[in-house]
Protein backbone atom coordinates (compact mmCIF):
# COMPACT_ATOMS: atom_id res chain seq x y z
CA MET A 1 2.83 0.86 10.91
CA GLU A 2 5.42 3.18 13.13
CA ALA A 3 8.28 1.29 11.30
CA ILE A 4 6.88 2.95 8.26
CA GLU A 5 6.32 6.54 9.60
CA THR A 6 9.21 6.48 11.39
CA LEU A 7 12.57 5.00 9.75
CA GLU A 8 14.14 6.99 7.04
CA ARG A 9 14.83 3.12 5.24
CA VAL A 10 11.76 0.77 6.18
CA PRO A 11 12.99 -3.15 6.09
CA SER A 12 11.41 -5.21 2.92
CA ASN A 13 9.68 -7.42 6.37
CA TYR A 14 7.53 -4.24 6.49
CA LEU A 15 7.00 -2.51 3.56
CA LYS A 16 7.64 -4.37 0.23
CA PHE A 17 7.65 -2.55 -3.42
CA LEU A 18 5.28 -4.42 -5.88
CA VAL A 19 7.07 -5.11 -8.99
CA GLY A 20 5.14 -3.01 -12.44
CA THR A 21 2.43 -1.51 -10.15
CA ASN A 22 3.68 1.84 -10.82
CA GLY A 23 4.25 2.47 -6.98
CA LEU A 24 1.90 0.74 -5.04
CA TYR A 25 3.32 -0.78 -1.64
CA GLU A 26 2.62 -3.68 0.50
CA ALA A 27 2.38 -3.39 4.26
CA ARG A 28 3.20 -6.45 6.19
CA ILE A 29 1.70 -6.71 9.89
CA GLN A 30 1.31 -9.68 11.88
CA LEU A 31 -0.41 -10.32 15.21
CA GLY A 32 0.44 -13.61 16.52
CA SER A 33 0.01 -16.32 13.69
CA ASN A 34 -2.37 -13.90 11.55
CA ILE A 35 -0.55 -12.08 9.12
CA TRP A 36 -2.29 -8.66 7.41
CA ARG A 37 -1.50 -6.88 4.58
CA VAL A 38 -2.26 -3.48 3.83
CA PHE A 39 -1.22 -2.00 0.45
CA CYS A 40 -0.18 1.78 -0.05
CA PHE A 41 1.42 4.59 -1.65
CA PHE A 42 3.07 7.57 -1.38
CA ASP A 43 2.04 11.35 -2.39
CA ASN A 44 5.18 13.70 -2.93
CA ASP A 45 7.04 11.21 -1.37
CA ARG A 46 5.94 12.16 2.03
CA LEU A 47 2.13 11.19 2.63
CA VAL A 48 1.74 7.26 3.31
CA ILE A 49 -1.90 7.00 1.54
CA LEU A 50 -3.42 3.25 3.12
CA LEU A 51 -5.68 1.58 0.69
CA ASN A 52 -7.44 -1.81 1.16
CA GLY A 53 -6.09 -4.91 3.46
CA PHE A 54 -6.97 -8.64 3.54
CA GLN A 55 -5.71 -11.39 5.81
CA LYS A 56 -3.18 -12.99 4.03
CA LYS A 57 -3.44 -16.82 3.64
CA THR A 58 -1.54 -18.32 0.92
CA GLN A 59 2.49 -17.14 -0.09
CA LYS A 60 1.14 -15.64 -3.21
CA THR A 61 -1.27 -11.60 -2.83
CA PRO A 62 -4.17 -12.51 -4.72
CA LYS A 63 -4.48 -10.42 -7.99
CA SER A 64 -8.05 -9.71 -7.03
CA GLU A 65 -7.03 -7.52 -4.25
CA ILE A 66 -3.82 -5.81 -6.44
CA GLU A 67 -6.16 -4.56 -8.78
CA LYS A 68 -8.37 -3.06 -5.60
CA ALA A 69 -5.66 -1.29 -4.36
CA LEU A 70 -4.45 0.17 -8.44
CA ASN A 71 -8.04 1.33 -8.75
CA LEU A 72 -8.17 2.62 -5.50
CA MET A 73 -4.93 4.30 -5.91
CA ALA A 74 -5.85 5.74 -9.18
CA GLU A 75 -8.96 7.02 -7.96
CA TYR A 76 -7.43 9.16 -5.50
CA PHE A 77 -4.78 10.95 -7.41
CA ASN A 78 -7.97 11.56 -10.36
CA THR A 79 -10.15 13.12 -7.50
CA LYS A 80 -6.78 14.87 -6.52
CA ALA A 81 -6.28 16.25 -9.90
CA LYS A 82 -9.66 17.32 -9.78
CA GLU A 83 -9.20 19.33 -7.15
CA ASP A 84 -6.50 21.06 -7.83
CA GLY A 85 -8.20 21.80 -11.54
CA ASN A 86 -10.57 24.12 -9.72
């Protein structure tokens, strides 16, 4: 997470854009032999919003986890739009 916060260009082994998701990224975290993924996105190119995370046990990211993250991202922007409209 420190690399994402401090580096201007984060290496893809730490943060990967998920193609076809309209701004969703996957942060990769390894603790010992455990590999974790946390989905995130940017708001106005500055704010990193962390969403759901899971322990990755296979090569492919489960579609259900991506869909959950996309739903959370949509909910964030819908709530923000409502708040900005008030």
